[in-house]
Amino acid sequence: MAHALEKAIASIANAFLALTCLLIAAMAAHVTLDVFFRYVLRAPLAATLEIGTYYYMIAATFLPFAAVQLHRDHISVDFVMMGMSARWQWLFQMLADALGAVTAGVIAYYSTIAALEKFAIAEYTVTQYFNLPLWPSRWMPVLGFGLLALVLLMQLIRTAMRVPIGERARSET
């Protein structure tokens, strides 16, 4: 059961990463088309800046969090732990995972409240030609931080189950 849950969380995280890659490619194509239309056809695409700012960039910022954490590729200060015993490394890893999970969970919670408020008022921005709904992009931090919290919780449990035995052995997580 736990292994299936870990696989599901990892699959969702990797799907978010793949979606982010597609959205970055779409943003590049969108901006390229806008430049082409603006300078060659003298008719720019409407709301390119707003769509890039409120959709592409928000997704590119928040959706890959969990996939990066799955591989423990976030910025870390490994040199601090290098001289510690395996037991201390294990304890600090547990502390880092626990604090990270709580922090990501709290941010996801408050982001959810903000997203619900913006949904309720149908938040939008005015572009030159139409009103662009903004409330959908408010769910990106909810998804990103919510899944990050799950990944950190999963890693915390996995780390807790591997109590180190030998001294100075680098903990693999």
Protein backbone atom coordinates (compact mmCIF):
# COMPACT_ATOMS: atom_id res chain seq x y z
CA MET A 1 0.00 0.00 0.00
CA ALA A 2 2.73 2.49 1.00
CA HIS A 3 4.80 1.65 -2.07
CA ALA A 4 1.79 2.22 -4.34
CA LEU A 5 1.17 5.59 -2.67
CA GLU A 6 4.82 6.58 -3.14
CA LYS A 7 4.64 5.60 -6.81
CA ALA A 8 1.45 7.62 -7.28
CA ILE A 9 2.97 10.71 -5.63
CA ALA A 10 6.14 10.35 -7.72
CA SER A 11 4.08 9.93 -10.90
CA ILE A 12 2.09 13.09 -10.18
CA ALA A 13 5.28 15.01 -9.39
CA ASN A 14 6.88 13.85 -12.64
CA ALA A 15 3.70 14.69 -14.56
CA PHE A 16 3.81 18.22 -13.11
CA LEU A 17 7.45 18.49 -14.21
CA ALA A 18 6.55 17.33 -17.74
CA LEU A 19 3.64 19.79 -17.82
CA THR A 20 6.02 22.55 -16.74
CA CYS A 21 8.36 21.70 -19.62
CA LEU A 22 5.45 21.83 -22.06
CA LEU A 23 4.27 25.15 -20.65
CA ILE A 24 7.74 26.66 -20.95
CA ALA A 25 7.87 25.52 -24.58
CA ALA A 26 4.38 26.98 -25.12
CA MET A 27 5.49 30.26 -23.55
CA ALA A 28 8.50 30.44 -25.86
CA ALA A 29 6.29 29.72 -28.88
CA HIS A 30 3.70 32.25 -27.72
CA VAL A 31 6.28 35.02 -27.29
CA THR A 32 7.95 34.13 -30.60
CA LEU A 33 4.61 34.31 -32.40
CA ASP A 34 3.85 37.62 -30.71
CA VAL A 35 7.16 39.08 -31.89
CA PHE A 36 6.55 37.76 -35.41
CA PHE A 37 3.01 39.13 -35.54
CA ARG A 38 4.07 42.44 -33.97
CA TYR A 39 7.00 43.21 -36.29
CA VAL A 40 6.14 41.38 -39.48
CA LEU A 41 2.36 41.62 -39.65
CA ARG A 42 2.02 44.75 -37.45
CA ALA A 43 -0.66 43.01 -35.35
CA PRO A 44 0.59 41.74 -31.98
CA LEU A 45 -1.12 38.89 -30.17
CA ALA A 46 -3.44 40.12 -27.44
CA ALA A 47 -2.43 39.69 -23.77
CA THR A 48 0.88 37.90 -24.39
CA LEU A 49 2.51 39.67 -21.45
CA GLU A 50 -0.40 38.95 -19.11
CA ILE A 51 -0.73 35.28 -20.10
CA GLY A 52 3.01 34.81 -19.74
CA THR A 53 3.07 36.54 -16.37
CA TYR A 54 -0.07 35.10 -14.79
CA TYR A 55 -0.09 31.60 -16.26
CA TYR A 56 3.18 30.36 -17.78
CA MET A 57 5.49 31.88 -15.17
CA ILE A 58 3.34 30.88 -12.19
CA ALA A 59 3.16 27.28 -13.39
CA ALA A 60 6.90 27.19 -14.12
CA THR A 61 7.60 28.44 -10.60
CA PHE A 62 5.37 26.19 -8.49
CA LEU A 63 4.58 22.95 -10.34
CA PRO A 64 8.10 21.43 -10.39
CA PHE A 65 8.73 21.76 -6.61
CA ALA A 66 7.82 18.15 -5.80
CA ALA A 67 9.80 16.63 -8.68
CA VAL A 68 12.90 18.55 -7.63
CA GLN A 69 12.46 17.35 -4.04
CA LEU A 70 11.96 13.75 -5.16
CA HIS A 71 15.59 13.78 -6.30
CA ARG A 72 16.67 15.98 -3.37
CA ASP A 73 17.92 18.57 -5.85
CA HIS A 74 16.88 21.64 -3.91
CA ILE A 75 19.69 23.79 -2.56
CA SER A 76 21.25 22.22 0.52
CA VAL A 77 24.26 22.74 2.75
CA ASP A 78 25.81 19.28 2.65
CA PHE A 79 29.22 20.48 3.85
CA VAL A 80 27.72 21.13 7.29
CA MET A 81 26.74 17.48 7.66
CA MET A 82 29.80 15.91 6.03
CA GLY A 83 31.80 15.66 9.25
CA MET A 84 28.91 14.38 11.35
CA SER A 85 28.26 10.80 12.34
CA ALA A 86 25.61 8.83 10.47
CA ARG A 87 23.27 9.17 13.45
CA TRP A 88 23.52 12.98 13.45
CA GLN A 89 23.10 13.10 9.67
CA TRP A 90 19.99 10.99 10.04
CA LEU A 91 18.59 13.25 12.77
CA PHE A 92 19.23 16.43 10.78
CA GLN A 93 17.67 14.88 7.67
CA MET A 94 14.60 13.98 9.71
CA LEU A 95 14.41 17.51 11.09
CA ALA A 96 14.81 19.07 7.64
CA ASP A 97 12.13 16.82 6.12
CA ALA A 98 9.73 17.48 9.00
CA LEU A 99 10.20 21.26 8.92
CA GLY A 100 9.94 21.28 5.14
CA ALA A 101 6.73 19.23 5.17
CA VAL A 102 5.13 21.46 7.80
CA THR A 103 6.19 24.65 6.01
CA ALA A 104 4.98 23.43 2.60
CA GLY A 105 1.72 22.23 4.17
CA VAL A 106 1.08 25.59 5.85
CA ILE A 107 1.81 27.47 2.61
CA ALA A 108 -0.50 25.09 0.70
CA TYR A 109 -3.23 25.65 3.29
CA TYR A 110 -3.08 29.44 3.13
CA SER A 111 -2.71 29.36 -0.65
CA THR A 112 -5.92 27.33 -0.77
CA ILE A 113 -7.73 29.96 1.26
CA ALA A 114 -6.45 32.69 -1.09
CA ALA A 115 -7.38 30.65 -4.18
CA LEU A 116 -10.92 30.08 -2.87
CA GLU A 117 -11.32 33.80 -2.14
CA LYS A 118 -10.14 34.75 -5.64
CA PHE A 119 -12.39 32.10 -7.18
CA ALA A 120 -15.37 33.49 -5.23
CA ILE A 121 -14.86 36.98 -6.66
CA ALA A 122 -13.87 35.66 -10.12
CA GLU A 123 -10.59 37.60 -10.05
CA TYR A 124 -9.46 38.92 -13.42
CA THR A 125 -7.20 41.51 -15.00
CA VAL A 126 -8.16 43.86 -17.79
CA THR A 127 -6.17 43.51 -20.99
CA GLN A 128 -6.47 45.69 -24.06
CA TYR A 129 -9.09 43.46 -25.68
CA PHE A 130 -10.65 41.29 -22.97
CA ASN A 131 -10.75 40.43 -19.29
CA LEU A 132 -8.30 37.64 -18.43
CA PRO A 133 -9.37 35.44 -15.50
CA LEU A 134 -6.62 35.24 -12.89
CA TRP A 135 -8.21 32.97 -10.31
CA PRO A 136 -7.17 29.71 -12.08
CA SER A 137 -3.49 30.56 -11.65
CA ARG A 138 -4.03 30.94 -7.89
CA TRP A 139 -4.27 27.13 -7.72
CA MET A 140 -0.68 26.61 -8.94
CA PRO A 141 0.89 27.32 -5.51
CA VAL A 142 -1.71 25.06 -3.91
CA LEU A 143 -0.77 22.20 -6.22
CA GLY A 144 2.96 22.83 -6.02
CA PHE A 145 3.25 23.22 -2.26
CA GLY A 146 0.62 20.56 -1.51
CA LEU A 147 2.48 17.93 -3.51
CA LEU A 148 5.81 19.12 -2.08
CA ALA A 149 4.43 18.56 1.43
CA LEU A 150 3.41 15.02 0.47
CA VAL A 151 6.83 14.26 -1.02
CA LEU A 152 8.59 15.59 2.09
CA LEU A 153 6.29 13.58 4.34
CA MET A 154 6.99 10.47 2.26
CA GLN A 155 10.74 11.12 2.51
CA LEU A 156 10.47 11.74 6.26
CA ILE A 157 8.79 8.36 6.76
CA ARG A 158 11.35 6.62 4.54
CA THR A 159 14.24 8.26 6.43
CA ALA A 160 12.69 7.42 9.82
CA MET A 161 12.58 3.75 8.87
CA ARG A 162 16.34 3.71 8.11
CA VAL A 163 18.07 4.24 11.44
CA PRO A 164 21.83 4.32 10.79
CA ILE A 165 24.02 1.69 12.39
CA GLY A 166 27.61 2.57 11.48
CA GLU A 167 29.51 5.77 12.24
CA ARG A 168 30.45 8.34 9.58
CA ALA A 169 28.38 6.56 6.93
CA ARG A 170 26.72 9.12 4.67
CA SER A 171 22.95 8.65 4.82
CA GLU A 172 21.46 7.98 1.39
CA THR A 173 17.98 9.39 0.95
